[in-house]
Amino acid sequence: MSTPVVVQCAVTGSQPPDPERAPNLPVSTDAIVEEALAAWRAGAAVIHLHAREEDGTPTQDRERFALLVDQLCDAGCDAVLNLSCGTAGGRAVRDERLAPLDLRPEMGSLDCGTINFGDRIFEGDVPFLRRMAEAFRANGVTPELECFDSGHVGLALQLRDEGLLEDPLVVQFVLGVPGSGVPATVEMVEHLRRMLPEGAHWSVCAIGRAQLPLNAYCILAGGHVRTGLEDNLWFRRGERATNAALVERAVRLAGELERPVATPDEARELLGVRAAA
């Protein structure tokens, strides 16, 4: 039997609210929770969350994340919650990014280096990466290692060699980000995969139109799947997406390609995630 594929949904991102260009992107707490629940019911075993202020501004504030987590748990959602430790669109720097770890989520994103991100620099110097990895360990949070290029994979392996990361590594290749110069192609995925140690889990965050073909490739090649409105606002040309519709499509693809879709508990076991307290 094939190894189950873990479907992750990235419900909202750190881009500013833009009702004209992105009317379908959830930016209020209630809308993010509603979209996350719909994605979970559609088959997502992991929900990746960014937090926002009441006006929709991205934030790393602990209490804004707590609102999302509490509402999802109160609604009976048993998906693995993967909280962003990014920069909230450049609004949080270094240790400010670690505030969500205080909530002791099951997973969190650990960006493995510095890169051009659009018109700004997404910073991640090595001393900060070490502090970040230590904070994940201290809080019992499984890191999802976001790697935007081969140098980031190398830094993840360095942290592993230093004893700051444990096997099995859970790696997300983030490809096609504007300004990064790293294309969202099968060739790039295979280049990065060859760098991983045996037993590592991997998936691909592909931006925009690359999301669908690389979702299909990940299923075929034994990886896991990330989808959602953070990365892609469109279901097809001229038709805006919802998170649930994108998850439903990934689940259908997995069925057609004969990969069973992991339940949240199966995802925990596969990825080495501790069960929520």
C-alpha atoms as a PDB file:
ATOM      1  CA  MET A   1       0.000   0.000   0.000  1.00  0.00           C
ATOM      2  CA  SER A   2       1.282   3.467  -0.850  1.00  0.00           C
ATOM      3  CA  THR A   3       2.370   5.805   1.927  1.00  0.00           C
ATOM      4  CA  PRO A   4      -0.486   8.226   2.676  1.00  0.00           C
ATOM      5  CA  VAL A   5      -0.123  11.753   1.369  1.00  0.00           C
ATOM      6  CA  VAL A   6      -0.470  14.549   3.899  1.00  0.00           C
ATOM      7  CA  VAL A   7      -2.535  17.427   2.498  1.00  0.00           C
ATOM      8  CA  GLN A   8      -1.736  20.792   4.070  1.00  0.00           C
ATOM      9  CA  CYS A   9      -3.785  23.932   3.490  1.00  0.00           C
ATOM     10  CA  ALA A  10      -2.233  27.395   3.857  1.00  0.00           C
ATOM     11  CA  VAL A  11      -5.409  29.351   4.553  1.00  0.00           C
ATOM     12  CA  THR A  12      -4.190  32.939   4.428  1.00  0.00           C
ATOM     13  CA  GLY A  13      -0.831  34.602   4.006  1.00  0.00           C
ATOM     14  CA  SER A  14       1.021  37.699   5.143  1.00  0.00           C
ATOM     15  CA  GLN A  15       0.072  39.899   2.213  1.00  0.00           C
ATOM     16  CA  PRO A  16      -1.849  43.100   3.045  1.00  0.00           C
ATOM     17  CA  PRO A  17      -5.634  43.028   2.569  1.00  0.00           C
ATOM     18  CA  ASP A  18      -6.596  43.923  -1.004  1.00  0.00           C
ATOM     19  CA  PRO A  19     -10.356  43.604  -1.579  1.00  0.00           C
ATOM     20  CA  GLU A  20     -10.016  44.492  -5.263  1.00  0.00           C
ATOM     21  CA  ARG A  21      -7.221  42.109  -6.256  1.00  0.00           C
ATOM     22  CA  ALA A  22      -7.799  39.391  -3.640  1.00  0.00           C
ATOM     23  CA  PRO A  23     -11.450  39.485  -2.546  1.00  0.00           C
ATOM     24  CA  ASN A  24     -11.412  35.765  -1.753  1.00  0.00           C
ATOM     25  CA  LEU A  25      -8.450  35.900   0.667  1.00  0.00           C
ATOM     26  CA  PRO A  26      -9.711  35.586   4.273  1.00  0.00           C
ATOM     27  CA  VAL A  27      -8.327  38.401   6.430  1.00  0.00           C
ATOM     28  CA  SER A  28     -10.642  38.586   9.465  1.00  0.00           C
ATOM     29  CA  THR A  29     -10.372  36.095  12.328  1.00  0.00           C
ATOM     30  CA  ASP A  30     -13.844  34.705  11.657  1.00  0.00           C
ATOM     31  CA  ALA A  31     -13.154  34.311   7.933  1.00  0.00           C
ATOM     32  CA  ILE A  32      -9.812  32.573   8.535  1.00  0.00           C
ATOM     33  CA  VAL A  33     -11.432  30.160  10.994  1.00  0.00           C
ATOM     34  CA  GLU A  34     -14.325  29.463   8.610  1.00  0.00           C
ATOM     35  CA  GLU A  35     -11.959  28.762   5.711  1.00  0.00           C
ATOM     36  CA  ALA A  36      -9.717  26.593   7.906  1.00  0.00           C
ATOM     37  CA  LEU A  37     -12.666  24.495   9.064  1.00  0.00           C
ATOM     38  CA  ALA A  38     -13.874  24.067   5.484  1.00  0.00           C
ATOM     39  CA  ALA A  39     -10.384  22.968   4.394  1.00  0.00           C
ATOM     40  CA  TRP A  40     -10.168  20.470   7.268  1.00  0.00           C
ATOM     41  CA  ARG A  41     -13.581  19.026   6.398  1.00  0.00           C
ATOM     42  CA  ALA A  42     -12.449  18.745   2.768  1.00  0.00           C
ATOM     43  CA  GLY A  43      -9.501  16.549   3.767  1.00  0.00           C
ATOM     44  CA  ALA A  44      -6.629  18.759   4.955  1.00  0.00           C
ATOM     45  CA  ALA A  45      -4.730  17.042   7.767  1.00  0.00           C
ATOM     46  CA  VAL A  46      -2.529  20.098   8.419  1.00  0.00           C
ATOM     47  CA  ILE A  47      -3.704  23.711   8.558  1.00  0.00           C
ATOM     48  CA  HIS A  48      -1.035  26.400   8.146  1.00  0.00           C
ATOM     49  CA  LEU A  49      -2.069  29.646   9.837  1.00  0.00           C
ATOM     50  CA  HIS A  50      -1.017  33.273   9.715  1.00  0.00           C
ATOM     51  CA  ALA A  51      -2.616  35.718  12.156  1.00  0.00           C
ATOM     52  CA  ARG A  52      -4.064  39.147  11.439  1.00  0.00           C
ATOM     53  CA  GLU A  53      -5.219  42.164  13.399  1.00  0.00           C
ATOM     54  CA  GLU A  54      -8.883  43.178  13.340  1.00  0.00           C
ATOM     55  CA  ASP A  55      -8.250  45.385  10.302  1.00  0.00           C
ATOM     56  CA  GLY A  56      -6.595  42.501   8.452  1.00  0.00           C
ATOM     57  CA  THR A  57      -2.991  43.608   8.965  1.00  0.00           C
ATOM     58  CA  PRO A  58      -0.666  40.580   9.300  1.00  0.00           C
ATOM     59  CA  THR A  59       0.851  40.176  12.768  1.00  0.00           C
ATOM     60  CA  GLN A  60       2.970  37.823  14.866  1.00  0.00           C
ATOM     61  CA  ASP A  61       1.117  38.778  18.042  1.00  0.00           C
ATOM     62  CA  ARG A  62       0.648  35.743  20.280  1.00  0.00           C
ATOM     63  CA  GLU A  63      -2.919  36.628  21.231  1.00  0.00           C
ATOM     64  CA  ARG A  64      -4.062  36.923  17.624  1.00  0.00           C
ATOM     65  CA  PHE A  65      -2.787  33.399  16.985  1.00  0.00           C
ATOM     66  CA  ALA A  66      -4.454  32.222  20.207  1.00  0.00           C
ATOM     67  CA  LEU A  67      -7.830  33.436  18.917  1.00  0.00           C
ATOM     68  CA  LEU A  68      -7.463  31.276  15.813  1.00  0.00           C
ATOM     69  CA  VAL A  69      -6.270  28.216  17.710  1.00  0.00           C
ATOM     70  CA  ASP A  70      -8.989  28.470  20.378  1.00  0.00           C
ATOM     71  CA  GLN A  71     -11.803  28.903  17.867  1.00  0.00           C
ATOM     72  CA  LEU A  72     -10.630  25.990  15.736  1.00  0.00           C
ATOM     73  CA  CYS A  73     -10.289  23.707  18.756  1.00  0.00           C
ATOM     74  CA  ASP A  74     -13.694  24.783  20.095  1.00  0.00           C
ATOM     75  CA  ALA A  75     -15.195  23.855  16.712  1.00  0.00           C
ATOM     76  CA  GLY A  76     -13.800  20.324  17.018  1.00  0.00           C
ATOM     77  CA  CYS A  77     -11.046  20.675  14.415  1.00  0.00           C
ATOM     78  CA  ASP A  78      -8.476  17.918  14.971  1.00  0.00           C
ATOM     79  CA  ALA A  79      -6.116  18.956  12.165  1.00  0.00           C
ATOM     80  CA  VAL A  80      -2.475  19.566  12.975  1.00  0.00           C
ATOM     81  CA  LEU A  81      -2.130  23.338  13.391  1.00  0.00           C
ATOM     82  CA  ASN A  82       1.054  24.709  11.840  1.00  0.00           C
ATOM     83  CA  LEU A  83       1.613  28.299  12.985  1.00  0.00           C
ATOM     84  CA  SER A  84       3.696  30.717  10.940  1.00  0.00           C
ATOM     85  CA  CYS A  85       6.938  31.992  12.427  1.00  0.00           C
ATOM     86  CA  GLY A  86       7.528  34.276   9.454  1.00  0.00           C
ATOM     87  CA  THR A  87       7.840  38.038   9.454  1.00  0.00           C
ATOM     88  CA  ALA A  88       4.143  38.956   9.028  1.00  0.00           C
ATOM     89  CA  GLY A  89       5.016  40.632   5.756  1.00  0.00           C
ATOM     90  CA  GLY A  90       8.095  42.361   7.172  1.00  0.00           C
ATOM     91  CA  ARG A  91       6.404  43.596  10.369  1.00  0.00           C
ATOM     92  CA  ALA A  92       8.230  41.260  12.755  1.00  0.00           C
ATOM     93  CA  VAL A  93      11.986  40.736  12.999  1.00  0.00           C
ATOM     94  CA  ARG A  94      14.037  37.940  14.495  1.00  0.00           C
ATOM     95  CA  ASP A  95      12.798  36.922  17.961  1.00  0.00           C
ATOM     96  CA  GLU A  96       9.468  38.731  17.534  1.00  0.00           C
ATOM     97  CA  ARG A  97       8.669  36.008  15.025  1.00  0.00           C
ATOM     98  CA  LEU A  98       8.778  33.317  17.700  1.00  0.00           C
ATOM     99  CA  ALA A  99       5.755  34.547  19.695  1.00  0.00           C
ATOM    100  CA  PRO A 100       3.366  31.823  18.401  1.00  0.00           C
ATOM    101  CA  LEU A 101       5.636  29.103  19.814  1.00  0.00           C
ATOM    102  CA  ASP A 102       4.476  30.231  23.263  1.00  0.00           C
ATOM    103  CA  LEU A 103       1.169  28.512  22.458  1.00  0.00           C
ATOM    104  CA  ARG A 104       3.007  25.185  22.043  1.00  0.00           C
ATOM    105  CA  PRO A 105       1.379  24.303  18.719  1.00  0.00           C
ATOM    106  CA  GLU A 106       2.029  20.917  17.185  1.00  0.00           C
ATOM    107  CA  MET A 107       3.924  22.455  14.257  1.00  0.00           C
ATOM    108  CA  GLY A 108       5.422  25.770  13.203  1.00  0.00           C
ATOM    109  CA  SER A 109       7.261  27.071  10.161  1.00  0.00           C
ATOM    110  CA  LEU A 110      11.018  27.536  10.439  1.00  0.00           C
ATOM    111  CA  ASP A 111      12.404  29.502   7.479  1.00  0.00           C
ATOM    112  CA  CYS A 112      15.959  28.345   6.896  1.00  0.00           C
ATOM    113  CA  GLY A 113      17.798  31.463   5.774  1.00  0.00           C
ATOM    114  CA  THR A 114      17.728  34.824   4.018  1.00  0.00           C
ATOM    115  CA  ILE A 115      16.254  35.498   0.590  1.00  0.00           C
ATOM    116  CA  ASN A 116      14.810  38.229  -1.595  1.00  0.00           C
ATOM    117  CA  PHE A 117      11.031  38.117  -1.165  1.00  0.00           C
ATOM    118  CA  GLY A 118       9.316  40.392  -3.634  1.00  0.00           C
ATOM    119  CA  ASP A 119      10.875  43.810  -3.128  1.00  0.00           C
ATOM    120  CA  ARG A 120      12.093  43.177   0.425  1.00  0.00           C
ATOM    121  CA  ILE A 121      14.667  40.998   2.155  1.00  0.00           C
ATOM    122  CA  PHE A 122      13.425  38.113   4.259  1.00  0.00           C
ATOM    123  CA  GLU A 123      16.129  37.802   6.929  1.00  0.00           C
ATOM    124  CA  GLY A 124      17.371  34.694   8.685  1.00  0.00           C
ATOM    125  CA  ASP A 125      20.965  34.882   9.891  1.00  0.00           C
ATOM    126  CA  VAL A 126      22.584  31.775  11.342  1.00  0.00           C
ATOM    127  CA  PRO A 127      22.628  32.888  15.029  1.00  0.00           C
ATOM    128  CA  PHE A 128      18.893  33.595  14.784  1.00  0.00           C
ATOM    129  CA  LEU A 129      18.255  30.242  13.097  1.00  0.00           C
ATOM    130  CA  ARG A 130      19.985  28.525  16.014  1.00  0.00           C
ATOM    131  CA  ARG A 131      17.847  30.436  18.543  1.00  0.00           C
ATOM    132  CA  MET A 132      14.776  29.599  16.513  1.00  0.00           C
ATOM    133  CA  ALA A 133      15.555  25.883  16.418  1.00  0.00           C
ATOM    134  CA  GLU A 134      16.225  25.926  20.159  1.00  0.00           C
ATOM    135  CA  ALA A 135      12.867  27.655  20.776  1.00  0.00           C
ATOM    136  CA  PHE A 136      11.067  24.999  18.743  1.00  0.00           C
ATOM    137  CA  ARG A 137      12.713  22.264  20.800  1.00  0.00           C
ATOM    138  CA  ALA A 138      12.039  23.994  24.141  1.00  0.00           C
ATOM    139  CA  ASN A 139       8.334  24.261  23.311  1.00  0.00           C
ATOM    140  CA  GLY A 140       8.003  20.755  21.884  1.00  0.00           C
ATOM    141  CA  VAL A 141       7.011  22.064  18.443  1.00  0.00           C
ATOM    142  CA  THR A 142       7.796  20.095  15.283  1.00  0.00           C
ATOM    143  CA  PRO A 143       9.475  22.449  12.774  1.00  0.00           C
ATOM    144  CA  GLU A 144       8.411  22.522   9.166  1.00  0.00           C
ATOM    145  CA  LEU A 145      11.640  23.633   7.488  1.00  0.00           C
ATOM    146  CA  GLU A 146      10.796  26.126   4.761  1.00  0.00           C
ATOM    147  CA  CYS A 147      13.611  26.058   2.212  1.00  0.00           C
ATOM    148  CA  PHE A 148      13.536  28.595  -0.605  1.00  0.00           C
ATOM    149  CA  ASP A 149      16.745  27.401  -2.294  1.00  0.00           C
ATOM    150  CA  SER A 150      19.586  24.895  -2.000  1.00  0.00           C
ATOM    151  CA  GLY A 151      21.466  27.075   0.486  1.00  0.00           C
ATOM    152  CA  HIS A 152      18.511  26.853   2.847  1.00  0.00           C
ATOM    153  CA  VAL A 153      18.581  23.055   2.641  1.00  0.00           C
ATOM    154  CA  GLY A 154      22.285  23.235   3.455  1.00  0.00           C
ATOM    155  CA  LEU A 155      21.571  25.393   6.516  1.00  0.00           C
ATOM    156  CA  ALA A 156      18.880  22.955   7.674  1.00  0.00           C
ATOM    157  CA  LEU A 157      21.413  20.143   7.416  1.00  0.00           C
ATOM    158  CA  GLN A 158      23.947  22.244   9.335  1.00  0.00           C
ATOM    159  CA  LEU A 159      21.436  22.742  12.173  1.00  0.00           C
ATOM    160  CA  ARG A 160      20.785  18.994  12.100  1.00  0.00           C
ATOM    161  CA  ASP A 161      24.520  18.270  12.325  1.00  0.00           C
ATOM    162  CA  GLU A 162      24.739  20.687  15.282  1.00  0.00           C
ATOM    163  CA  GLY A 163      22.052  18.683  17.088  1.00  0.00           C
ATOM    164  CA  LEU A 164      19.396  21.421  16.841  1.00  0.00           C
ATOM    165  CA  LEU A 165      17.080  19.513  14.502  1.00  0.00           C
ATOM    166  CA  GLU A 166      15.998  15.904  14.780  1.00  0.00           C
ATOM    167  CA  ASP A 167      15.095  13.282  12.207  1.00  0.00           C
ATOM    168  CA  PRO A 168      12.844  12.830  10.429  1.00  0.00           C
ATOM    169  CA  LEU A 169      13.142  16.308   8.930  1.00  0.00           C
ATOM    170  CA  VAL A 170       9.917  17.804   7.585  1.00  0.00           C
ATOM    171  CA  VAL A 171      10.841  20.051   4.655  1.00  0.00           C
ATOM    172  CA  GLN A 172       8.757  22.434   2.566  1.00  0.00           C
ATOM    173  CA  PHE A 173      10.391  23.622  -0.663  1.00  0.00           C
ATOM    174  CA  VAL A 174       9.072  27.147  -1.320  1.00  0.00           C
ATOM    175  CA  LEU A 175       9.445  27.820  -5.043  1.00  0.00           C
ATOM    176  CA  GLY A 176       8.465  30.510  -7.484  1.00  0.00           C
ATOM    177  CA  VAL A 177       8.479  33.385  -4.971  1.00  0.00           C
ATOM    178  CA  PRO A 178       8.742  36.699  -6.871  1.00  0.00           C
ATOM    179  CA  GLY A 179      12.210  38.183  -6.457  1.00  0.00           C
ATOM    180  CA  SER A 180      13.822  34.944  -5.299  1.00  0.00           C
ATOM    181  CA  GLY A 181      14.991  33.760  -8.708  1.00  0.00           C
ATOM    182  CA  VAL A 182      14.198  30.149  -7.759  1.00  0.00           C
ATOM    183  CA  PRO A 183      11.810  28.602 -10.306  1.00  0.00           C
ATOM    184  CA  ALA A 184       8.889  26.342  -9.443  1.00  0.00           C
ATOM    185  CA  THR A 185       9.905  23.434 -11.660  1.00  0.00           C
ATOM    186  CA  VAL A 186      10.252  19.674 -11.364  1.00  0.00           C
ATOM    187  CA  GLU A 187      13.977  20.041 -12.061  1.00  0.00           C
ATOM    188  CA  MET A 188      14.374  22.325  -9.042  1.00  0.00           C
ATOM    189  CA  VAL A 189      12.327  19.997  -6.829  1.00  0.00           C
ATOM    190  CA  GLU A 190      14.516  17.048  -7.789  1.00  0.00           C
ATOM    191  CA  HIS A 191      17.713  19.050  -7.199  1.00  0.00           C
ATOM    192  CA  LEU A 192      16.564  19.948  -3.683  1.00  0.00           C
ATOM    193  CA  ARG A 193      15.260  16.454  -2.919  1.00  0.00           C
ATOM    194  CA  ARG A 194      18.670  14.942  -3.651  1.00  0.00           C
ATOM    195  CA  MET A 195      20.118  16.982  -0.792  1.00  0.00           C
ATOM    196  CA  LEU A 196      17.779  15.549   1.838  1.00  0.00           C
ATOM    197  CA  PRO A 197      18.779  12.768   4.239  1.00  0.00           C
ATOM    198  CA  GLU A 198      17.049   9.417   4.016  1.00  0.00           C
ATOM    199  CA  GLY A 199      13.657   9.395   5.687  1.00  0.00           C
ATOM    200  CA  ALA A 200      13.000  13.136   5.367  1.00  0.00           C
ATOM    201  CA  HIS A 201       9.465  14.186   4.478  1.00  0.00           C
ATOM    202  CA  TRP A 202       9.036  16.814   1.781  1.00  0.00           C
ATOM    203  CA  SER A 203       6.417  18.844  -0.016  1.00  0.00           C
ATOM    204  CA  VAL A 204       6.328  21.890  -2.261  1.00  0.00           C
ATOM    205  CA  CYS A 205       4.813  25.329  -1.782  1.00  0.00           C
ATOM    206  CA  ALA A 206       4.477  26.540  -5.381  1.00  0.00           C
ATOM    207  CA  ILE A 207       3.202  30.025  -6.113  1.00  0.00           C
ATOM    208  CA  GLY A 208       0.322  30.763  -8.467  1.00  0.00           C
ATOM    209  CA  ARG A 209      -0.216  28.632 -11.547  1.00  0.00           C
ATOM    210  CA  ALA A 210       2.607  26.259 -10.589  1.00  0.00           C
ATOM    211  CA  GLN A 211       0.617  25.000  -7.608  1.00  0.00           C
ATOM    212  CA  LEU A 212      -1.534  22.457  -9.445  1.00  0.00           C
ATOM    213  CA  PRO A 213       1.135  20.706 -11.567  1.00  0.00           C
ATOM    214  CA  LEU A 214       3.542  20.489  -8.640  1.00  0.00           C
ATOM    215  CA  ASN A 215       0.775  19.182  -6.363  1.00  0.00           C
ATOM    216  CA  ALA A 216       0.312  16.370  -8.889  1.00  0.00           C
ATOM    217  CA  TYR A 217       4.066  15.784  -9.123  1.00  0.00           C
ATOM    218  CA  CYS A 218       4.464  15.588  -5.342  1.00  0.00           C
ATOM    219  CA  ILE A 219       1.751  12.923  -5.160  1.00  0.00           C
ATOM    220  CA  LEU A 220       3.396  10.912  -7.946  1.00  0.00           C
ATOM    221  CA  ALA A 221       6.919  11.246  -6.539  1.00  0.00           C
ATOM    222  CA  GLY A 222       6.060  10.244  -2.960  1.00  0.00           C
ATOM    223  CA  GLY A 223       5.958  13.692  -1.402  1.00  0.00           C
ATOM    224  CA  HIS A 224       3.199  15.475   0.449  1.00  0.00           C
ATOM    225  CA  VAL A 225       0.964  18.309  -0.758  1.00  0.00           C
ATOM    226  CA  ARG A 226       0.524  21.945   0.169  1.00  0.00           C
ATOM    227  CA  THR A 227      -2.294  23.975  -1.304  1.00  0.00           C
ATOM    228  CA  GLY A 228      -4.346  26.990  -0.245  1.00  0.00           C
ATOM    229  CA  LEU A 229      -5.030  30.654  -0.861  1.00  0.00           C
ATOM    230  CA  GLU A 230      -1.754  31.858   0.646  1.00  0.00           C
ATOM    231  CA  ASP A 231      -0.030  30.564  -2.477  1.00  0.00           C
ATOM    232  CA  ASN A 232      -2.696  30.665  -5.174  1.00  0.00           C
ATOM    233  CA  LEU A 233      -5.936  32.657  -5.362  1.00  0.00           C
ATOM    234  CA  TRP A 234      -7.267  30.961  -8.499  1.00  0.00           C
ATOM    235  CA  PHE A 235      -8.913  27.593  -9.089  1.00  0.00           C
ATOM    236  CA  ARG A 236      -8.534  27.947 -12.824  1.00  0.00           C
ATOM    237  CA  ARG A 237      -8.200  30.856 -15.223  1.00  0.00           C
ATOM    238  CA  GLY A 238     -10.990  33.316 -14.501  1.00  0.00           C
ATOM    239  CA  GLU A 239     -12.352  31.396 -11.484  1.00  0.00           C
ATOM    240  CA  ARG A 240     -11.345  32.393  -7.974  1.00  0.00           C
ATOM    241  CA  ALA A 241     -10.626  29.603  -5.508  1.00  0.00           C
ATOM    242  CA  THR A 242     -11.622  28.768  -1.977  1.00  0.00           C
ATOM    243  CA  ASN A 243      -9.366  26.841   0.362  1.00  0.00           C
ATOM    244  CA  ALA A 244     -11.857  23.968   0.472  1.00  0.00           C
ATOM    245  CA  ALA A 245     -12.012  23.743  -3.330  1.00  0.00           C
ATOM    246  CA  LEU A 246      -8.219  23.574  -3.572  1.00  0.00           C
ATOM    247  CA  VAL A 247      -8.065  20.849  -0.911  1.00  0.00           C
ATOM    248  CA  GLU A 248     -10.874  18.889  -2.578  1.00  0.00           C
ATOM    249  CA  ARG A 249      -8.926  18.959  -5.839  1.00  0.00           C
ATOM    250  CA  ALA A 250      -5.752  17.712  -4.140  1.00  0.00           C
ATOM    251  CA  VAL A 251      -7.732  14.895  -2.532  1.00  0.00           C
ATOM    252  CA  ARG A 252      -9.216  13.949  -5.919  1.00  0.00           C
ATOM    253  CA  LEU A 253      -5.759  13.941  -7.495  1.00  0.00           C
ATOM    254  CA  ALA A 254      -4.428  11.679  -4.761  1.00  0.00           C
ATOM    255  CA  GLY A 255      -7.320   9.282  -5.364  1.00  0.00           C
ATOM    256  CA  GLU A 256      -6.736   9.186  -9.104  1.00  0.00           C
ATOM    257  CA  LEU A 257      -3.019   8.603  -8.543  1.00  0.00           C
ATOM    258  CA  GLU A 258      -3.715   5.885  -5.952  1.00  0.00           C
ATOM    259  CA  ARG A 259      -2.226   7.586  -2.897  1.00  0.00           C
ATOM    260  CA  PRO A 260      -4.437   7.400   0.209  1.00  0.00           C
ATOM    261  CA  VAL A 261      -4.959  10.737   1.968  1.00  0.00           C
ATOM    262  CA  ALA A 262      -3.706  10.870   5.555  1.00  0.00           C
ATOM    263  CA  THR A 263      -6.035  11.647   8.420  1.00  0.00           C
ATOM    264  CA  PRO A 264      -4.751  14.134  11.010  1.00  0.00           C
ATOM    265  CA  ASP A 265      -3.653  11.294  13.298  1.00  0.00           C
ATOM    266  CA  GLU A 266      -1.934   9.479  10.428  1.00  0.00           C
ATOM    267  CA  ALA A 267      -0.168  12.757   9.575  1.00  0.00           C
ATOM    268  CA  ARG A 268       1.050  13.036  13.171  1.00  0.00           C
ATOM    269  CA  GLU A 269       2.494   9.548  13.046  1.00  0.00           C
ATOM    270  CA  LEU A 270       4.094  10.002   9.625  1.00  0.00           C
ATOM    271  CA  LEU A 271       5.676  13.383  10.379  1.00  0.00           C
ATOM    272  CA  GLY A 272       6.701  12.605  13.947  1.00  0.00           C
ATOM    273  CA  VAL A 273       4.388  15.255  15.407  1.00  0.00           C
ATOM    274  CA  ARG A 274       3.431  14.977  19.071  1.00  0.00           C
ATOM    275  CA  ALA A 275      -0.312  14.883  19.730  1.00  0.00           C
ATOM    276  CA  ALA A 276      -1.805  18.105  21.088  1.00  0.00           C
ATOM    277  CA  ALA A 277      -2.109  18.249  24.881  1.00  0.00           C
END
